[in-house]
């Protein structure tokens, strides 16, 4: 006599429901087929990955051939500008068809010319034009004093599709580098 073991499914921390009991071989076979189907779906996807939860963008990826890769999803592009004119927009990244930009870091340095006595506003924003100081969305606004450095890494800021990533300051001169990469358009 062959017995099929009882299969329990978790419904909470301490409660279970019986999915199949002795003699319910067809239910177990259906569950096995579902699991095999999931494995086939996962095997057909190239680049299935696990991302760490610490914001470092490290990820482990297993491709369809079984090769393991550990590292960032893509390599960063950088754009640097000297924000040397007050209230003027400086373009860092332009939109690309079917892609979205992810900001992974910002480095900034305030020169001696920046005034320590008043608030300095430095803005990184989305805009409809590469030379427009009009923000459609502020990504970050911060201040700096004379001869100070700012290092904002790691970041993981998704920029809206079809917009320019611009920066401006109301007290020159700020040297700023923005780092990031483009990803396929997220729906």
Foldseek 3Di string as FASTA:
>chain_A
DDWDDWDWDDPDDPDTDTQDGTPPVVSVVVVVVVVVVVVVVVLPDAFDWDADPPLQQWIWTQGNVGDIDTDHPDFKDKFKDWQADALKKAFTDFFDPQKWKWWFKKKKFAAQQFAQVDWKKKWKAWDQDRTDSDHPGTPDIDTDGHGDMDIDGGDTHIDDHNTTTIMHMRTDTMMMMIMIDMDGHDD
